[in-house]
Amino acid sequence: MDRFLSLKIFVAVGEEQSFAAAARRLALSPPAVTRGVGALEQALGVRLLQRTTRIVRLTEAGARYLLDCKRILSELEDADQAVSGAQGQVRGTLGLTSSVLFGRAFVAPLLHAFLAQHPQVNIRALFVDRVVDLIEEGLDIAVRIAHLADASFTAIRVGAVRNVVCASPAFLKRHGVPRKPDDLKELSAFCFSGDRTPPAWSFQDGKRTLSVRPSARLVVNSPEVAMQGAIAGEGVTRVLSYQAASAVKAGQLRVILAEFEPDPLPIHVIHREGKRAAARVRAFVDFTVAELRDNPLLKA
């Protein structure tokens, strides 16, 4: 069997975790899909998939090989388009990633608008609260809220957000408004963090950096849940400015200690290929940069 077809079959089986589903996806017969994976495993001399009567799972070697195959097939598609003159056409599959809450609030609406404008584009979006390796995951674009250390990608700044400490007006009326970061040590806090221990909140007092570890009533990896406790009047919380914007506007939360906030966190759209990027990547980056830069919630 053709090696290129074998790779496509393996990727389909690995992603679908099913020979039958892969056959339907590729419009091939189930025996042809089985033969394709078998031929690939025989040529490599390694088992790529674990098969039982009920499930199909990638082996450790298969999981690594799947990432390489997806990258190779994507690069081959771009090379074919470049040679055929299609590199300037907005078409093909686009992969991107963002954090969960930011993705839902700001990126998802852009995906739907972009797809409506470009009917020959398909998008695979991964919204997760971790730094995703674009190459390993076979993705083209990331929207990241962070100071970037990796200079190997093209990065375009589109805005910034602040770390804000919030509490409800009722809570502040009962306990008083904190005047300095150390005052937070005496107050109950609902902490947004993915770690097991309560995070230290950093502040800036002129050129001096301050660190305060609040008295955490709850440590949770969801800013929405952390804000619920603060809105209920049970304590303070610290989230990003865009996460608290609607509650602040509605009067449910009030930002405190704004004069001690650290420098805003920049938001970047990053991609791998620079000027050599496929048309679909360039088009989506241009579209996303313009839309995010116009969003008032992202102007810290």
C-alpha atoms as a PDB file:
ATOM      1  CA  MET A   1       0.000   0.000   0.000  1.00  0.00           C
ATOM      2  CA  ASP A   2       1.132   3.566  -0.735  1.00  0.00           C
ATOM      3  CA  ARG A   3       3.092   4.950   2.250  1.00  0.00           C
ATOM      4  CA  PHE A   4       1.313   8.323   2.081  1.00  0.00           C
ATOM      5  CA  LEU A   5      -2.079   6.596   2.250  1.00  0.00           C
ATOM      6  CA  SER A   6      -0.865   4.430   5.132  1.00  0.00           C
ATOM      7  CA  LEU A   7       0.080   7.556   7.087  1.00  0.00           C
ATOM      8  CA  LYS A   8      -3.343   9.114   6.441  1.00  0.00           C
ATOM      9  CA  ILE A   9      -5.036   5.911   7.558  1.00  0.00           C
ATOM     10  CA  PHE A  10      -2.951   5.717  10.748  1.00  0.00           C
ATOM     11  CA  VAL A  11      -3.707   9.366  11.618  1.00  0.00           C
ATOM     12  CA  ALA A  12      -7.425   8.792  11.096  1.00  0.00           C
ATOM     13  CA  VAL A  13      -7.438   5.642  13.252  1.00  0.00           C
ATOM     14  CA  GLY A  14      -5.333   7.346  15.952  1.00  0.00           C
ATOM     15  CA  GLU A  15      -7.612  10.383  16.111  1.00  0.00           C
ATOM     16  CA  GLU A  16     -10.874   8.452  15.908  1.00  0.00           C
ATOM     17  CA  GLN A  17      -9.633   5.563  18.090  1.00  0.00           C
ATOM     18  CA  SER A  18     -11.666   3.313  15.862  1.00  0.00           C
ATOM     19  CA  PHE A  19     -10.975   1.442  12.631  1.00  0.00           C
ATOM     20  CA  ALA A  20     -14.619   1.673  11.567  1.00  0.00           C
ATOM     21  CA  ALA A  21     -14.818   5.427  12.191  1.00  0.00           C
ATOM     22  CA  ALA A  22     -11.543   5.964  10.320  1.00  0.00           C
ATOM     23  CA  ALA A  23     -12.886   3.954   7.376  1.00  0.00           C
ATOM     24  CA  ARG A  24     -16.009   6.144   7.245  1.00  0.00           C
ATOM     25  CA  ARG A  25     -13.925   9.315   7.498  1.00  0.00           C
ATOM     26  CA  LEU A  26     -11.657   8.279   4.617  1.00  0.00           C
ATOM     27  CA  ALA A  27     -14.404   6.593   2.546  1.00  0.00           C
ATOM     28  CA  LEU A  28     -12.452   3.311   2.605  1.00  0.00           C
ATOM     29  CA  SER A  29     -13.478  -0.224   3.492  1.00  0.00           C
ATOM     30  CA  PRO A  30     -12.671  -1.429   7.041  1.00  0.00           C
ATOM     31  CA  PRO A  31     -10.368  -4.181   5.671  1.00  0.00           C
ATOM     32  CA  ALA A  32      -8.409  -1.559   3.706  1.00  0.00           C
ATOM     33  CA  VAL A  33      -7.910   0.492   6.874  1.00  0.00           C
ATOM     34  CA  THR A  34      -6.790  -2.586   8.801  1.00  0.00           C
ATOM     35  CA  ARG A  35      -4.321  -3.506   6.041  1.00  0.00           C
ATOM     36  CA  GLY A  36      -2.975   0.045   5.943  1.00  0.00           C
ATOM     37  CA  VAL A  37      -2.142   0.126   9.648  1.00  0.00           C
ATOM     38  CA  GLY A  38      -0.759  -3.419   9.525  1.00  0.00           C
ATOM     39  CA  ALA A  39       1.537  -2.569   6.618  1.00  0.00           C
ATOM     40  CA  LEU A  40       2.810   0.506   8.439  1.00  0.00           C
ATOM     41  CA  GLU A  41       3.525  -1.414  11.638  1.00  0.00           C
ATOM     42  CA  GLN A  42       5.297  -4.128   9.656  1.00  0.00           C
ATOM     43  CA  ALA A  43       7.453  -1.606   7.826  1.00  0.00           C
ATOM     44  CA  LEU A  44       8.393   0.144  11.066  1.00  0.00           C
ATOM     45  CA  GLY A  45       8.782  -3.022  13.106  1.00  0.00           C
ATOM     46  CA  VAL A  46       6.834  -1.546  16.024  1.00  0.00           C
ATOM     47  CA  ARG A  47       3.289  -1.783  17.382  1.00  0.00           C
ATOM     48  CA  LEU A  48       1.501   1.566  16.974  1.00  0.00           C
ATOM     49  CA  LEU A  49      -1.945   0.604  18.253  1.00  0.00           C
ATOM     50  CA  GLN A  50      -3.309  -1.592  21.012  1.00  0.00           C
ATOM     51  CA  ARG A  51      -6.427  -3.398  19.794  1.00  0.00           C
ATOM     52  CA  THR A  52      -9.114  -5.202  21.742  1.00  0.00           C
ATOM     53  CA  THR A  53     -12.641  -6.170  20.761  1.00  0.00           C
ATOM     54  CA  ARG A  54     -13.927  -2.920  22.254  1.00  0.00           C
ATOM     55  CA  ILE A  55     -11.223  -0.242  22.060  1.00  0.00           C
ATOM     56  CA  VAL A  56      -8.294   0.967  19.984  1.00  0.00           C
ATOM     57  CA  ARG A  57      -5.566   2.882  21.792  1.00  0.00           C
ATOM     58  CA  LEU A  58      -2.228   4.349  20.783  1.00  0.00           C
ATOM     59  CA  THR A  59       0.899   2.782  22.201  1.00  0.00           C
ATOM     60  CA  GLU A  60       3.572   5.117  23.548  1.00  0.00           C
ATOM     61  CA  ALA A  61       5.459   4.814  20.258  1.00  0.00           C
ATOM     62  CA  GLY A  62       2.201   5.305  18.354  1.00  0.00           C
ATOM     63  CA  ALA A  63       1.378   8.508  20.224  1.00  0.00           C
ATOM     64  CA  ARG A  64       4.768   9.992  19.321  1.00  0.00           C
ATOM     65  CA  TYR A  65       4.490   8.813  15.728  1.00  0.00           C
ATOM     66  CA  LEU A  66       0.984  10.295  15.409  1.00  0.00           C
ATOM     67  CA  LEU A  67       2.284  13.795  16.195  1.00  0.00           C
ATOM     68  CA  ASP A  68       5.055  13.428  13.610  1.00  0.00           C
ATOM     69  CA  CYS A  69       2.642  12.095  10.988  1.00  0.00           C
ATOM     70  CA  LYS A  70       0.200  14.967  11.501  1.00  0.00           C
ATOM     71  CA  ARG A  71       3.019  17.492  11.139  1.00  0.00           C
ATOM     72  CA  ILE A  72       4.382  15.778   8.014  1.00  0.00           C
ATOM     73  CA  LEU A  73       0.968  15.578   6.351  1.00  0.00           C
ATOM     74  CA  SER A  74       0.263  19.234   7.141  1.00  0.00           C
ATOM     75  CA  GLU A  75       3.612  20.336   5.708  1.00  0.00           C
ATOM     76  CA  LEU A  76       3.083  18.167   2.633  1.00  0.00           C
ATOM     77  CA  GLU A  77      -0.328  19.742   2.052  1.00  0.00           C
ATOM     78  CA  ASP A  78       1.219  23.219   2.266  1.00  0.00           C
ATOM     79  CA  ALA A  79       4.016  22.194  -0.114  1.00  0.00           C
ATOM     80  CA  ASP A  80       1.505  20.815  -2.634  1.00  0.00           C
ATOM     81  CA  GLN A  81      -0.487  24.027  -2.486  1.00  0.00           C
ATOM     82  CA  ALA A  82       2.634  26.154  -2.963  1.00  0.00           C
ATOM     83  CA  VAL A  83       3.710  24.208  -6.049  1.00  0.00           C
ATOM     84  CA  SER A  84       0.229  24.208  -7.561  1.00  0.00           C
ATOM     85  CA  GLY A  85      -0.226  27.933  -7.013  1.00  0.00           C
ATOM     86  CA  ALA A  86      -2.792  27.435  -4.255  1.00  0.00           C
ATOM     87  CA  GLN A  87      -0.615  28.906  -1.496  1.00  0.00           C
ATOM     88  CA  GLY A  88      -2.428  32.202  -1.986  1.00  0.00           C
ATOM     89  CA  GLN A  89      -5.846  30.586  -1.561  1.00  0.00           C
ATOM     90  CA  VAL A  90      -7.528  30.567   1.832  1.00  0.00           C
ATOM     91  CA  ARG A  91      -8.287  26.876   2.172  1.00  0.00           C
ATOM     92  CA  GLY A  92      -7.367  23.789   4.199  1.00  0.00           C
ATOM     93  CA  THR A  93      -7.306  22.929   7.894  1.00  0.00           C
ATOM     94  CA  LEU A  94      -6.228  25.475  10.480  1.00  0.00           C
ATOM     95  CA  GLY A  95      -5.200  24.500  14.029  1.00  0.00           C
ATOM     96  CA  LEU A  96      -5.153  26.925  16.943  1.00  0.00           C
ATOM     97  CA  THR A  97      -5.120  27.042  20.718  1.00  0.00           C
ATOM     98  CA  SER A  98      -6.077  29.419  23.522  1.00  0.00           C
ATOM     99  CA  SER A  99      -6.857  29.281  27.227  1.00  0.00           C
ATOM    100  CA  VAL A 100     -10.356  28.048  28.072  1.00  0.00           C
ATOM    101  CA  LEU A 101     -12.136  31.151  29.344  1.00  0.00           C
ATOM    102  CA  PHE A 102     -10.413  33.576  26.974  1.00  0.00           C
ATOM    103  CA  GLY A 103     -11.078  31.175  24.114  1.00  0.00           C
ATOM    104  CA  ARG A 104     -14.782  30.966  24.875  1.00  0.00           C
ATOM    105  CA  ALA A 105     -15.174  34.717  25.362  1.00  0.00           C
ATOM    106  CA  PHE A 106     -12.996  36.156  22.591  1.00  0.00           C
ATOM    107  CA  VAL A 107     -11.646  33.517  20.206  1.00  0.00           C
ATOM    108  CA  ALA A 108     -14.730  31.346  19.607  1.00  0.00           C
ATOM    109  CA  PRO A 109     -16.800  34.191  18.079  1.00  0.00           C
ATOM    110  CA  LEU A 110     -13.915  34.898  15.695  1.00  0.00           C
ATOM    111  CA  LEU A 111     -13.792  31.257  14.616  1.00  0.00           C
ATOM    112  CA  HIS A 112     -17.432  31.297  13.558  1.00  0.00           C
ATOM    113  CA  ALA A 113     -17.074  34.632  11.755  1.00  0.00           C
ATOM    114  CA  PHE A 114     -13.930  33.463   9.929  1.00  0.00           C
ATOM    115  CA  LEU A 115     -15.522  30.178   8.845  1.00  0.00           C
ATOM    116  CA  ALA A 116     -18.497  32.091   7.457  1.00  0.00           C
ATOM    117  CA  GLN A 117     -16.123  34.201   5.353  1.00  0.00           C
ATOM    118  CA  HIS A 118     -13.991  31.279   4.144  1.00  0.00           C
ATOM    119  CA  PRO A 119     -16.056  28.195   3.242  1.00  0.00           C
ATOM    120  CA  GLN A 120     -12.987  26.179   2.165  1.00  0.00           C
ATOM    121  CA  VAL A 121     -11.345  26.387   5.610  1.00  0.00           C
ATOM    122  CA  ASN A 122     -11.766  23.904   8.457  1.00  0.00           C
ATOM    123  CA  ILE A 123     -10.609  24.728  11.992  1.00  0.00           C
ATOM    124  CA  ARG A 124      -9.390  22.530  14.834  1.00  0.00           C
ATOM    125  CA  ALA A 125      -9.440  24.515  18.084  1.00  0.00           C
ATOM    126  CA  LEU A 126      -7.913  23.429  21.392  1.00  0.00           C
ATOM    127  CA  PHE A 127      -8.985  25.463  24.447  1.00  0.00           C
ATOM    128  CA  VAL A 128      -6.879  24.371  27.433  1.00  0.00           C
ATOM    129  CA  ASP A 129      -5.314  26.132  30.422  1.00  0.00           C
ATOM    130  CA  ARG A 130      -1.753  25.057  29.686  1.00  0.00           C
ATOM    131  CA  VAL A 131       0.990  26.124  27.321  1.00  0.00           C
ATOM    132  CA  VAL A 132       0.597  24.005  24.200  1.00  0.00           C
ATOM    133  CA  ASP A 133       3.590  23.105  22.033  1.00  0.00           C
ATOM    134  CA  LEU A 134       2.420  24.110  18.562  1.00  0.00           C
ATOM    135  CA  ILE A 135       4.785  21.757  16.776  1.00  0.00           C
ATOM    136  CA  GLU A 136       4.032  18.706  18.928  1.00  0.00           C
ATOM    137  CA  GLU A 137       0.266  19.281  18.719  1.00  0.00           C
ATOM    138  CA  GLY A 138       0.363  20.060  14.997  1.00  0.00           C
ATOM    139  CA  LEU A 139      -1.187  23.522  15.473  1.00  0.00           C
ATOM    140  CA  ASP A 140      -0.604  26.731  13.547  1.00  0.00           C
ATOM    141  CA  ILE A 141      -1.646  29.570  15.865  1.00  0.00           C
ATOM    142  CA  ALA A 142      -1.882  30.337  19.568  1.00  0.00           C
ATOM    143  CA  VAL A 143      -3.436  33.247  21.427  1.00  0.00           C
ATOM    144  CA  ARG A 144      -1.470  33.625  24.661  1.00  0.00           C
ATOM    145  CA  ILE A 145      -1.726  35.888  27.696  1.00  0.00           C
ATOM    146  CA  ALA A 146       1.858  36.005  28.930  1.00  0.00           C
ATOM    147  CA  HIS A 147       5.275  37.561  28.587  1.00  0.00           C
ATOM    148  CA  LEU A 148       6.817  35.460  25.826  1.00  0.00           C
ATOM    149  CA  ALA A 149      10.228  33.857  26.305  1.00  0.00           C
ATOM    150  CA  ASP A 150      10.369  31.878  23.027  1.00  0.00           C
ATOM    151  CA  ALA A 151      11.530  34.112  20.161  1.00  0.00           C
ATOM    152  CA  SER A 152      11.330  31.341  17.549  1.00  0.00           C
ATOM    153  CA  PHE A 153       7.714  32.185  16.641  1.00  0.00           C
ATOM    154  CA  THR A 154       6.195  35.236  15.015  1.00  0.00           C
ATOM    155  CA  ALA A 155       4.329  37.121  17.765  1.00  0.00           C
ATOM    156  CA  ILE A 156       1.936  40.041  17.317  1.00  0.00           C
ATOM    157  CA  ARG A 157       0.753  41.954  20.385  1.00  0.00           C
ATOM    158  CA  VAL A 158      -2.989  42.621  20.325  1.00  0.00           C
ATOM    159  CA  GLY A 159      -3.735  43.919  23.819  1.00  0.00           C
ATOM    160  CA  ALA A 160      -3.160  43.427  27.524  1.00  0.00           C
ATOM    161  CA  VAL A 161      -5.063  42.494  30.668  1.00  0.00           C
ATOM    162  CA  ARG A 162      -4.562  43.319  34.344  1.00  0.00           C
ATOM    163  CA  ASN A 163      -4.446  41.173  37.454  1.00  0.00           C
ATOM    164  CA  VAL A 164      -7.223  42.691  39.570  1.00  0.00           C
ATOM    165  CA  VAL A 165      -8.252  42.103  43.175  1.00  0.00           C
ATOM    166  CA  CYS A 166     -12.023  42.276  43.630  1.00  0.00           C
ATOM    167  CA  ALA A 167     -14.636  42.080  46.362  1.00  0.00           C
ATOM    168  CA  SER A 168     -18.329  42.761  46.573  1.00  0.00           C
ATOM    169  CA  PRO A 169     -19.551  46.160  47.832  1.00  0.00           C
ATOM    170  CA  ALA A 170     -21.321  44.374  50.720  1.00  0.00           C
ATOM    171  CA  PHE A 171     -18.102  42.636  51.805  1.00  0.00           C
ATOM    172  CA  LEU A 172     -16.156  45.900  51.685  1.00  0.00           C
ATOM    173  CA  LYS A 173     -18.834  47.654  53.710  1.00  0.00           C
ATOM    174  CA  ARG A 174     -18.568  44.994  56.449  1.00  0.00           C
ATOM    175  CA  HIS A 175     -14.784  44.651  56.526  1.00  0.00           C
ATOM    176  CA  GLY A 176     -13.561  47.972  55.162  1.00  0.00           C
ATOM    177  CA  VAL A 177     -11.624  48.691  51.976  1.00  0.00           C
ATOM    178  CA  PRO A 178      -8.021  47.399  52.053  1.00  0.00           C
ATOM    179  CA  ARG A 179      -5.551  50.268  51.726  1.00  0.00           C
ATOM    180  CA  LYS A 180      -2.394  48.227  51.168  1.00  0.00           C
ATOM    181  CA  PRO A 181      -1.663  44.659  49.970  1.00  0.00           C
ATOM    182  CA  ASP A 182      -0.781  43.426  53.496  1.00  0.00           C
ATOM    183  CA  ASP A 183      -4.380  44.136  54.549  1.00  0.00           C
ATOM    184  CA  LEU A 184      -5.439  41.137  52.447  1.00  0.00           C
ATOM    185  CA  LYS A 185      -3.828  38.746  54.956  1.00  0.00           C
ATOM    186  CA  GLU A 186      -6.702  39.429  57.342  1.00  0.00           C
ATOM    187  CA  LEU A 187      -9.433  38.701  54.778  1.00  0.00           C
ATOM    188  CA  SER A 188     -10.893  35.470  53.409  1.00  0.00           C
ATOM    189  CA  ALA A 189      -9.906  34.800  49.824  1.00  0.00           C
ATOM    190  CA  PHE A 190     -11.099  32.685  46.920  1.00  0.00           C
ATOM    191  CA  CYS A 191      -8.002  31.863  44.895  1.00  0.00           C
ATOM    192  CA  PHE A 192      -7.862  31.010  41.191  1.00  0.00           C
ATOM    193  CA  SER A 193      -4.945  28.617  40.722  1.00  0.00           C
ATOM    194  CA  GLY A 194      -4.098  25.297  39.174  1.00  0.00           C
ATOM    195  CA  ASP A 195      -1.703  24.469  42.023  1.00  0.00           C
ATOM    196  CA  ARG A 196      -2.530  22.601  45.201  1.00  0.00           C
ATOM    197  CA  THR A 197      -1.359  25.396  47.496  1.00  0.00           C
ATOM    198  CA  PRO A 198      -2.753  28.950  47.617  1.00  0.00           C
ATOM    199  CA  PRO A 199      -0.805  31.214  45.268  1.00  0.00           C
ATOM    200  CA  ALA A 200       1.157  34.259  46.357  1.00  0.00           C
ATOM    201  CA  TRP A 201      -0.273  37.464  44.910  1.00  0.00           C
ATOM    202  CA  SER A 202       2.368  39.896  43.678  1.00  0.00           C
ATOM    203  CA  PHE A 203       1.962  43.672  43.788  1.00  0.00           C
ATOM    204  CA  GLN A 204       4.026  46.671  42.780  1.00  0.00           C
ATOM    205  CA  ASP A 205       4.757  49.549  45.154  1.00  0.00           C
ATOM    206  CA  GLY A 206       6.780  51.934  43.044  1.00  0.00           C
ATOM    207  CA  LYS A 207       9.888  49.988  42.091  1.00  0.00           C
ATOM    208  CA  ARG A 208       9.381  47.513  44.926  1.00  0.00           C
ATOM    209  CA  THR A 209       7.668  44.156  44.341  1.00  0.00           C
ATOM    210  CA  LEU A 210       5.449  42.919  47.163  1.00  0.00           C
ATOM    211  CA  SER A 211       4.231  39.359  47.675  1.00  0.00           C
ATOM    212  CA  VAL A 212       1.176  38.497  49.762  1.00  0.00           C
ATOM    213  CA  ARG A 213      -0.199  35.023  50.409  1.00  0.00           C
ATOM    214  CA  PRO A 214      -3.905  35.461  51.156  1.00  0.00           C
ATOM    215  CA  SER A 215      -5.913  33.396  53.615  1.00  0.00           C
ATOM    216  CA  ALA A 216      -7.521  31.063  51.104  1.00  0.00           C
ATOM    217  CA  ARG A 217     -10.979  29.697  51.874  1.00  0.00           C
ATOM    218  CA  LEU A 218     -11.007  28.051  48.458  1.00  0.00           C
ATOM    219  CA  VAL A 219      -8.345  27.242  45.850  1.00  0.00           C
ATOM    220  CA  VAL A 220      -9.909  26.383  42.501  1.00  0.00           C
ATOM    221  CA  ASN A 221      -8.747  26.178  38.883  1.00  0.00           C
ATOM    222  CA  SER A 222     -11.781  28.131  37.640  1.00  0.00           C
ATOM    223  CA  PRO A 223     -11.898  31.944  37.831  1.00  0.00           C
ATOM    224  CA  GLU A 224     -15.672  31.779  37.506  1.00  0.00           C
ATOM    225  CA  VAL A 225     -15.968  29.691  40.674  1.00  0.00           C
ATOM    226  CA  ALA A 226     -13.520  31.954  42.527  1.00  0.00           C
ATOM    227  CA  MET A 227     -15.575  35.004  41.551  1.00  0.00           C
ATOM    228  CA  GLN A 228     -18.802  33.373  42.730  1.00  0.00           C
ATOM    229  CA  GLY A 229     -17.478  33.393  46.301  1.00  0.00           C
ATOM    230  CA  ALA A 230     -16.513  37.045  46.023  1.00  0.00           C
ATOM    231  CA  ILE A 231     -19.834  38.039  44.448  1.00  0.00           C
ATOM    232  CA  ALA A 232     -21.618  36.271  47.303  1.00  0.00           C
ATOM    233  CA  GLY A 233     -19.837  38.622  49.707  1.00  0.00           C
ATOM    234  CA  GLU A 234     -17.712  35.963  51.390  1.00  0.00           C
ATOM    235  CA  GLY A 235     -14.230  37.218  50.538  1.00  0.00           C
ATOM    236  CA  VAL A 236     -11.838  38.696  47.987  1.00  0.00           C
ATOM    237  CA  THR A 237     -10.538  37.162  44.787  1.00  0.00           C
ATOM    238  CA  ARG A 238      -7.930  37.914  42.140  1.00  0.00           C
ATOM    239  CA  VAL A 239      -8.573  37.271  38.470  1.00  0.00           C
ATOM    240  CA  LEU A 240      -7.742  38.840  35.130  1.00  0.00           C
ATOM    241  CA  SER A 241      -9.521  42.085  34.286  1.00  0.00           C
ATOM    242  CA  TYR A 242     -11.509  40.653  31.379  1.00  0.00           C
ATOM    243  CA  GLN A 243     -12.761  37.811  33.599  1.00  0.00           C
ATOM    244  CA  ALA A 244     -14.210  40.230  36.138  1.00  0.00           C
ATOM    245  CA  ALA A 245     -15.383  42.888  33.658  1.00  0.00           C
ATOM    246  CA  SER A 246     -19.066  41.940  33.504  1.00  0.00           C
ATOM    247  CA  ALA A 247     -19.390  41.571  37.295  1.00  0.00           C
ATOM    248  CA  VAL A 248     -17.646  44.922  37.846  1.00  0.00           C
ATOM    249  CA  LYS A 249     -19.896  46.611  35.285  1.00  0.00           C
ATOM    250  CA  ALA A 250     -22.973  45.122  36.963  1.00  0.00           C
ATOM    251  CA  GLY A 251     -21.857  46.410  40.368  1.00  0.00           C
ATOM    252  CA  GLN A 252     -21.429  42.909  41.784  1.00  0.00           C
ATOM    253  CA  LEU A 253     -17.686  43.367  42.281  1.00  0.00           C
ATOM    254  CA  ARG A 254     -15.434  46.339  42.917  1.00  0.00           C
ATOM    255  CA  VAL A 255     -11.745  46.496  42.001  1.00  0.00           C
ATOM    256  CA  ILE A 256      -9.511  47.323  44.965  1.00  0.00           C
ATOM    257  CA  LEU A 257      -5.800  48.087  45.375  1.00  0.00           C
ATOM    258  CA  ALA A 258      -5.580  49.144  41.722  1.00  0.00           C
ATOM    259  CA  GLU A 259      -2.629  51.427  42.482  1.00  0.00           C
ATOM    260  CA  PHE A 260      -0.594  48.361  43.529  1.00  0.00           C
ATOM    261  CA  GLU A 261      -1.311  46.200  40.471  1.00  0.00           C
ATOM    262  CA  PRO A 262       1.695  44.656  38.700  1.00  0.00           C
ATOM    263  CA  ASP A 263       2.381  45.456  35.074  1.00  0.00           C
ATOM    264  CA  PRO A 264      -0.372  44.270  32.698  1.00  0.00           C
ATOM    265  CA  LEU A 265       0.029  40.920  30.973  1.00  0.00           C
ATOM    266  CA  PRO A 266       0.377  41.224  27.178  1.00  0.00           C
ATOM    267  CA  ILE A 267      -1.825  39.247  24.788  1.00  0.00           C
ATOM    268  CA  HIS A 268      -0.127  37.901  21.658  1.00  0.00           C
ATOM    269  CA  VAL A 269      -1.216  36.046  18.561  1.00  0.00           C
ATOM    270  CA  ILE A 270       1.671  33.764  17.650  1.00  0.00           C
ATOM    271  CA  HIS A 271       2.286  31.470  14.697  1.00  0.00           C
ATOM    272  CA  ARG A 272       5.091  29.305  13.421  1.00  0.00           C
ATOM    273  CA  GLU A 273       5.842  30.118   9.812  1.00  0.00           C
ATOM    274  CA  GLY A 274       6.300  33.893   9.605  1.00  0.00           C
ATOM    275  CA  LYS A 275       6.065  35.218   6.049  1.00  0.00           C
ATOM    276  CA  ARG A 276       6.067  31.659   4.664  1.00  0.00           C
ATOM    277  CA  ALA A 277       2.794  30.833   6.411  1.00  0.00           C
ATOM    278  CA  ALA A 278      -0.043  29.378   4.355  1.00  0.00           C
ATOM    279  CA  ALA A 279      -2.747  31.756   3.203  1.00  0.00           C
ATOM    280  CA  ARG A 280      -5.247  30.393   5.727  1.00  0.00           C
ATOM    281  CA  VAL A 281      -2.828  31.147   8.575  1.00  0.00           C
ATOM    282  CA  ARG A 282      -2.042  34.659   7.337  1.00  0.00           C
ATOM    283  CA  ALA A 283      -5.726  35.391   6.786  1.00  0.00           C
ATOM    284  CA  PHE A 284      -6.773  34.207  10.237  1.00  0.00           C
ATOM    285  CA  VAL A 285      -3.913  36.051  11.955  1.00  0.00           C
ATOM    286  CA  ASP A 286      -4.783  39.317  10.163  1.00  0.00           C
ATOM    287  CA  PHE A 287      -8.471  38.881  10.992  1.00  0.00           C
ATOM    288  CA  THR A 288      -7.865  37.993  14.643  1.00  0.00           C
ATOM    289  CA  VAL A 289      -5.304  40.738  15.262  1.00  0.00           C
ATOM    290  CA  ALA A 290      -7.652  43.404  13.938  1.00  0.00           C
ATOM    291  CA  GLU A 291     -10.642  42.141  15.940  1.00  0.00           C
ATOM    292  CA  LEU A 292      -8.807  41.720  19.240  1.00  0.00           C
ATOM    293  CA  ARG A 293      -7.082  45.083  18.999  1.00  0.00           C
ATOM    294  CA  ASP A 294     -10.495  46.718  18.625  1.00  0.00           C
ATOM    295  CA  ASN A 295     -11.904  45.046  21.753  1.00  0.00           C
ATOM    296  CA  PRO A 296     -12.090  47.584  24.630  1.00  0.00           C
ATOM    297  CA  LEU A 297     -11.876  44.827  27.268  1.00  0.00           C
ATOM    298  CA  LEU A 298      -8.338  44.039  26.121  1.00  0.00           C
ATOM    299  CA  LYS A 299      -6.950  47.537  26.536  1.00  0.00           C
ATOM    300  CA  ALA A 300      -5.269  47.556  29.963  1.00  0.00           C
END
